[in-house]
C-alpha atoms as a PDB file:
ATOM      1  CA  MET A   1     -31.192 -73.992 -16.436  1.00  0.00           C
ATOM      2  CA  THR A   2     -30.348 -70.573 -15.013  1.00  0.00           C
ATOM      3  CA  GLN A   3     -28.662 -67.772 -16.805  1.00  0.00           C
ATOM      4  CA  ASN A   4     -25.804 -65.966 -15.147  1.00  0.00           C
ATOM      5  CA  ASP A   5     -25.886 -62.188 -15.470  1.00  0.00           C
ATOM      6  CA  THR A   6     -22.422 -61.163 -16.609  1.00  0.00           C
ATOM      7  CA  THR A   7     -22.989 -57.396 -16.441  1.00  0.00           C
ATOM      8  CA  GLN A   8     -21.510 -55.735 -13.423  1.00  0.00           C
ATOM      9  CA  PRO A   9     -23.224 -52.984 -11.485  1.00  0.00           C
ATOM     10  CA  SER A  10     -21.843 -49.505 -12.059  1.00  0.00           C
ATOM     11  CA  SER A  11     -18.844 -48.879  -9.914  1.00  0.00           C
ATOM     12  CA  PRO A  12     -18.894 -46.442  -7.009  1.00  0.00           C
ATOM     13  CA  LYS A  13     -16.219 -44.435  -8.807  1.00  0.00           C
ATOM     14  CA  ARG A  14     -18.470 -43.886 -11.796  1.00  0.00           C
ATOM     15  CA  ARG A  15     -21.396 -42.789  -9.616  1.00  0.00           C
ATOM     16  CA  TRP A  16     -19.119 -40.460  -7.657  1.00  0.00           C
ATOM     17  CA  LEU A  17     -17.791 -39.005 -10.903  1.00  0.00           C
ATOM     18  CA  LEU A  18     -21.298 -38.421 -12.255  1.00  0.00           C
ATOM     19  CA  LYS A  19     -22.473 -36.796  -9.015  1.00  0.00           C
ATOM     20  CA  SER A  20     -19.373 -34.611  -8.928  1.00  0.00           C
ATOM     21  CA  ALA A  21     -19.859 -33.550 -12.544  1.00  0.00           C
ATOM     22  CA  LEU A  22     -23.480 -32.629 -11.859  1.00  0.00           C
ATOM     23  CA  ALA A  23     -22.523 -30.674  -8.738  1.00  0.00           C
ATOM     24  CA  LEU A  24     -19.748 -28.811 -10.550  1.00  0.00           C
ATOM     25  CA  GLY A  25     -22.096 -28.059 -13.433  1.00  0.00           C
ATOM     26  CA  ALA A  26     -24.673 -26.632 -11.034  1.00  0.00           C
ATOM     27  CA  VAL A  27     -22.059 -24.497  -9.287  1.00  0.00           C
ATOM     28  CA  GLY A  28     -20.686 -23.293 -12.631  1.00  0.00           C
ATOM     29  CA  ALA A  29     -24.183 -22.412 -13.858  1.00  0.00           C
ATOM     30  CA  ALA A  30     -24.908 -20.537 -10.634  1.00  0.00           C
ATOM     31  CA  LEU A  31     -21.664 -18.562 -10.862  1.00  0.00           C
ATOM     32  CA  GLY A  32     -22.220 -17.854 -14.541  1.00  0.00           C
ATOM     33  CA  GLY A  33     -25.737 -16.658 -13.778  1.00  0.00           C
ATOM     34  CA  ALA A  34     -24.416 -14.439 -10.994  1.00  0.00           C
ATOM     35  CA  VAL A  35     -21.835 -12.900 -13.333  1.00  0.00           C
ATOM     36  CA  PHE A  36     -24.537 -12.275 -15.922  1.00  0.00           C
ATOM     37  CA  TRP A  37     -26.847 -10.809 -13.283  1.00  0.00           C
ATOM     38  CA  LYS A  38     -24.245  -8.317 -12.054  1.00  0.00           C
ATOM     39  CA  ARG A  39     -22.752  -7.230 -15.351  1.00  0.00           C
ATOM     40  CA  GLY A  40     -20.132  -4.508 -15.333  1.00  0.00           C
ATOM     41  CA  ILE A  41     -21.359  -2.711 -18.451  1.00  0.00           C
ATOM     42  CA  THR A  42     -24.828  -2.295 -19.907  1.00  0.00           C
ATOM     43  CA  ASP A  43     -25.448  -0.556 -23.238  1.00  0.00           C
ATOM     44  CA  GLY A  44     -21.877   0.763 -23.330  1.00  0.00           C
ATOM     45  CA  THR A  45     -22.080   2.376 -19.879  1.00  0.00           C
ATOM     46  CA  LEU A  46     -20.614   1.217 -16.586  1.00  0.00           C
ATOM     47  CA  THR A  47     -23.139  -0.216 -14.154  1.00  0.00           C
ATOM     48  CA  ASP A  48     -22.924   0.439 -10.425  1.00  0.00           C
ATOM     49  CA  SER A  49     -21.094  -2.885 -10.039  1.00  0.00           C
ATOM     50  CA  GLY A  50     -18.623  -1.999 -12.772  1.00  0.00           C
ATOM     51  CA  LYS A  51     -18.066   1.442 -11.266  1.00  0.00           C
ATOM     52  CA  GLU A  52     -17.374  -0.090  -7.847  1.00  0.00           C
ATOM     53  CA  VAL A  53     -14.706  -2.406  -9.264  1.00  0.00           C
ATOM     54  CA  LEU A  54     -12.993   0.168 -11.469  1.00  0.00           C
ATOM     55  CA  LYS A  55     -13.093   2.883  -8.806  1.00  0.00           C
ATOM     56  CA  ALA A  56     -11.365   0.523  -6.371  1.00  0.00           C
ATOM     57  CA  VAL A  57      -8.806  -0.480  -8.996  1.00  0.00           C
ATOM     58  CA  ALA A  58      -8.133   3.188  -9.778  1.00  0.00           C
ATOM     59  CA  SER A  59      -7.707   4.048  -6.102  1.00  0.00           C
ATOM     60  CA  ALA A  60      -5.015   1.380  -5.795  1.00  0.00           C
ATOM     61  CA  VAL A  61      -3.266   1.683  -9.167  1.00  0.00           C
ATOM     62  CA  LEU A  62      -3.223   5.486  -9.139  1.00  0.00           C
ATOM     63  CA  ALA A  63      -2.771   5.874  -5.372  1.00  0.00           C
ATOM     64  CA  ASP A  64       0.471   7.854  -5.518  1.00  0.00           C
ATOM     65  CA  MET A  65      -0.817  10.244  -8.189  1.00  0.00           C
ATOM     66  CA  LEU A  66      -4.191  11.063  -6.675  1.00  0.00           C
ATOM     67  CA  PRO A  67      -4.660  14.103  -4.402  1.00  0.00           C
ATOM     68  CA  THR A  68      -4.241  13.450  -0.681  1.00  0.00           C
ATOM     69  CA  ASP A  69      -7.225  15.614   0.297  1.00  0.00           C
ATOM     70  CA  PRO A  70     -10.185  13.183   0.631  1.00  0.00           C
ATOM     71  CA  ALA A  71     -12.678  15.457  -1.175  1.00  0.00           C
ATOM     72  CA  ALA A  72     -10.276  16.181  -4.053  1.00  0.00           C
ATOM     73  CA  ARG A  73      -9.366  12.477  -4.246  1.00  0.00           C
ATOM     74  CA  GLU A  74     -13.033  11.468  -4.443  1.00  0.00           C
ATOM     75  CA  ALA A  75     -13.676  14.090  -7.140  1.00  0.00           C
ATOM     76  CA  LYS A  76     -10.711  12.820  -9.154  1.00  0.00           C
ATOM     77  CA  LEU A  77     -11.960   9.203  -8.842  1.00  0.00           C
ATOM     78  CA  GLU A  78     -15.450  10.229  -9.991  1.00  0.00           C
ATOM     79  CA  GLY A  79     -13.845  12.020 -12.942  1.00  0.00           C
ATOM     80  CA  GLN A  80     -11.913   8.825 -13.663  1.00  0.00           C
ATOM     81  CA  LEU A  81     -15.184   6.891 -13.866  1.00  0.00           C
ATOM     82  CA  LEU A  82     -16.576   9.423 -16.354  1.00  0.00           C
ATOM     83  CA  ARG A  83     -13.415   9.105 -18.434  1.00  0.00           C
ATOM     84  CA  LEU A  84     -13.631   5.294 -18.256  1.00  0.00           C
ATOM     85  CA  ASN A  85     -17.168   5.485 -19.643  1.00  0.00           C
ATOM     86  CA  GLN A  86     -15.862   7.562 -22.552  1.00  0.00           C
ATOM     87  CA  VAL A  87     -13.074   5.072 -23.251  1.00  0.00           C
ATOM     88  CA  ILE A  88     -15.436   2.072 -23.014  1.00  0.00           C
ATOM     89  CA  GLN A  89     -17.864   3.668 -25.465  1.00  0.00           C
ATOM     90  CA  THR A  90     -15.092   3.779 -28.079  1.00  0.00           C
ATOM     91  CA  MET A  91     -14.598   0.012 -27.822  1.00  0.00           C
ATOM     92  CA  PRO A  92     -16.266  -2.444 -30.195  1.00  0.00           C
ATOM     93  CA  SER A  93     -19.336  -4.147 -28.768  1.00  0.00           C
ATOM     94  CA  SER A  94     -17.503  -7.491 -28.582  1.00  0.00           C
ATOM     95  CA  ALA A  95     -14.805  -5.974 -26.346  1.00  0.00           C
ATOM     96  CA  GLN A  96     -17.471  -4.278 -24.253  1.00  0.00           C
ATOM     97  CA  GLY A  97     -19.146  -7.655 -23.757  1.00  0.00           C
ATOM     98  CA  GLU A  98     -15.903  -9.259 -22.623  1.00  0.00           C
ATOM     99  CA  LEU A  99     -15.173  -6.381 -20.262  1.00  0.00           C
ATOM    100  CA  ALA A 100     -18.737  -6.542 -18.917  1.00  0.00           C
ATOM    101  CA  ALA A 101     -18.266 -10.222 -18.109  1.00  0.00           C
ATOM    102  CA  LEU A 102     -14.882  -9.577 -16.466  1.00  0.00           C
ATOM    103  CA  LEU A 103     -16.254  -6.762 -14.324  1.00  0.00           C
ATOM    104  CA  GLY A 104     -19.243  -8.926 -13.423  1.00  0.00           C
ATOM    105  CA  LEU A 105     -16.864 -11.700 -12.402  1.00  0.00           C
ATOM    106  CA  LEU A 106     -14.892  -9.287 -10.212  1.00  0.00           C
ATOM    107  CA  ALA A 107     -18.028  -7.662  -8.761  1.00  0.00           C
ATOM    108  CA  ASN A 108     -19.660 -10.854  -7.489  1.00  0.00           C
ATOM    109  CA  ALA A 109     -18.477 -12.017  -4.082  1.00  0.00           C
ATOM    110  CA  PRO A 110     -17.848 -15.732  -4.817  1.00  0.00           C
ATOM    111  CA  THR A 111     -15.943 -15.166  -8.030  1.00  0.00           C
ATOM    112  CA  ARG A 112     -14.139 -12.090  -6.648  1.00  0.00           C
ATOM    113  CA  LEU A 113     -12.847 -14.245  -3.801  1.00  0.00           C
ATOM    114  CA  MET A 114     -11.769 -17.015  -6.182  1.00  0.00           C
ATOM    115  CA  VAL A 115     -10.020 -14.705  -8.646  1.00  0.00           C
ATOM    116  CA  THR A 116      -8.514 -12.056  -6.359  1.00  0.00           C
ATOM    117  CA  GLY A 117      -8.609 -13.478  -2.845  1.00  0.00           C
ATOM    118  CA  LEU A 118     -10.397 -10.279  -1.749  1.00  0.00           C
ATOM    119  CA  SER A 119     -13.039 -11.246   0.804  1.00  0.00           C
ATOM    120  CA  SER A 120     -14.618  -7.827   1.347  1.00  0.00           C
ATOM    121  CA  ALA A 121     -16.493  -5.779  -1.224  1.00  0.00           C
ATOM    122  CA  TRP A 122     -14.398  -3.487  -3.393  1.00  0.00           C
ATOM    123  CA  ALA A 123     -15.972  -0.364  -1.900  1.00  0.00           C
ATOM    124  CA  LYS A 124     -15.236  -1.512   1.659  1.00  0.00           C
ATOM    125  CA  ALA A 125     -11.687  -2.741   1.086  1.00  0.00           C
ATOM    126  CA  SER A 126      -8.679  -0.608   1.957  1.00  0.00           C
ATOM    127  CA  THR A 127      -6.218   0.524  -0.685  1.00  0.00           C
ATOM    128  CA  GLU A 128      -3.701  -1.968   0.724  1.00  0.00           C
ATOM    129  CA  GLU A 129      -6.182  -4.863   0.443  1.00  0.00           C
ATOM    130  CA  ILE A 130      -7.031  -3.893  -3.128  1.00  0.00           C
ATOM    131  CA  SER A 131      -3.349  -3.612  -4.018  1.00  0.00           C
ATOM    132  CA  ALA A 132      -2.721  -7.062  -2.537  1.00  0.00           C
ATOM    133  CA  ALA A 133      -5.658  -8.505  -4.491  1.00  0.00           C
ATOM    134  CA  LEU A 134      -4.380  -6.981  -7.724  1.00  0.00           C
ATOM    135  CA  GLU A 135      -0.868  -8.244  -7.018  1.00  0.00           C
ATOM    136  CA  SER A 136      -2.197 -11.772  -6.473  1.00  0.00           C
ATOM    137  CA  MET A 137      -3.899 -11.520  -9.874  1.00  0.00           C
ATOM    138  CA  ARG A 138      -0.712 -10.191 -11.488  1.00  0.00           C
ATOM    139  CA  ILE A 139       1.460 -13.111 -10.334  1.00  0.00           C
ATOM    140  CA  HIS A 140      -1.203 -15.814 -10.518  1.00  0.00           C
ATOM    141  CA  LYS A 141      -0.272 -19.106 -12.189  1.00  0.00           C
ATOM    142  CA  LEU A 142      -3.306 -19.017 -14.520  1.00  0.00           C
ATOM    143  CA  PRO A 143      -2.776 -16.866 -17.613  1.00  0.00           C
ATOM    144  CA  THR A 144      -6.455 -15.840 -17.681  1.00  0.00           C
ATOM    145  CA  THR A 145      -6.175 -14.347 -14.210  1.00  0.00           C
ATOM    146  CA  MET A 146      -3.015 -12.463 -15.172  1.00  0.00           C
ATOM    147  CA  LEU A 147      -4.740 -11.250 -18.332  1.00  0.00           C
ATOM    148  CA  SER A 148      -7.709 -10.072 -16.265  1.00  0.00           C
ATOM    149  CA  TYR A 149      -5.352  -8.070 -14.069  1.00  0.00           C
ATOM    150  CA  HIS A 150      -3.736  -6.442 -17.087  1.00  0.00           C
ATOM    151  CA  ALA A 151      -7.127  -5.645 -18.614  1.00  0.00           C
ATOM    152  CA  VAL A 152      -8.434  -3.689 -15.615  1.00  0.00           C
ATOM    153  CA  ARG A 153      -5.073  -2.095 -14.817  1.00  0.00           C
ATOM    154  CA  ASP A 154      -4.383  -1.066 -18.419  1.00  0.00           C
ATOM    155  CA  LEU A 155      -7.895   0.294 -18.911  1.00  0.00           C
ATOM    156  CA  THR A 156      -7.472   2.349 -15.728  1.00  0.00           C
ATOM    157  CA  CYS A 157      -4.112   3.710 -16.877  1.00  0.00           C
ATOM    158  CA  ILE A 158      -5.331   4.486 -20.403  1.00  0.00           C
ATOM    159  CA  ALA A 159      -8.266   6.483 -19.075  1.00  0.00           C
ATOM    160  CA  PHE A 160      -6.112   8.362 -16.559  1.00  0.00           C
ATOM    161  CA  PHE A 161      -2.993   9.142 -18.564  1.00  0.00           C
ATOM    162  CA  THR A 162      -4.779  10.171 -21.773  1.00  0.00           C
ATOM    163  CA  ASN A 163      -6.704  12.851 -19.887  1.00  0.00           C
ATOM    164  CA  PRO A 164      -4.733  16.127 -20.107  1.00  0.00           C
ATOM    165  CA  ASP A 165      -6.314  17.258 -16.819  1.00  0.00           C
ATOM    166  CA  ASN A 166      -4.281  14.565 -15.025  1.00  0.00           C
ATOM    167  CA  TRP A 167      -0.907  15.324 -16.541  1.00  0.00           C
ATOM    168  CA  ALA A 168       0.062  17.838 -13.839  1.00  0.00           C
ATOM    169  CA  LEU A 169      -0.595  15.182 -11.163  1.00  0.00           C
ATOM    170  CA  THR A 170       1.959  12.902 -12.811  1.00  0.00           C
ATOM    171  CA  GLY A 171       4.619  15.534 -13.364  1.00  0.00           C
ATOM    172  CA  TYR A 172       4.194  15.430 -17.138  1.00  0.00           C
ATOM    173  CA  PRO A 173       4.277  18.962 -18.563  1.00  0.00           C
ATOM    174  CA  GLY A 174       2.449  18.003 -21.736  1.00  0.00           C
ATOM    175  CA  PRO A 175       3.660  17.661 -25.294  1.00  0.00           C
ATOM    176  CA  LEU A 176       6.520  19.858 -26.367  1.00  0.00           C
ATOM    177  CA  ASP A 177       6.021  22.491 -29.027  1.00  0.00           C
ATOM    178  CA  ILE A 178       8.099  21.596 -32.034  1.00  0.00           C
END
């Protein structure tokens, strides 16, 4: 007497699903490792990658308020990075960690392309390309992408507008004497 095996072989759909899950896990781990490798902040200070991202964001967000002379503009952007370091150092370490991860995400080419649509490096992109990338983040359908936009834009604005040296560039005369 022979026994009939009633178990069915695994379906092609199940194998495809398992292979896809493994591939996506590998890609996710690689991207996560890349973000960790190129962190935006280390020990409360902006890294070169973080500086590149925030300098590009500042050049686009503050474009109309920055000096038109290239040397003066560059000096103002370098001053902005120093001010950003001061602001970041006042943040709790948990917020610094989140910002470091966000800047790492924006600094790495694959994730920068996925999040912003910006194909070139921040330092090589034009102000118009950076503005378009930020706008795509601002109106994105995913709330996390919109939140990321607001985080880098708001941090840039906080550092710029709280610096009294920049008030004349904006037309703000300073606080009134009461």
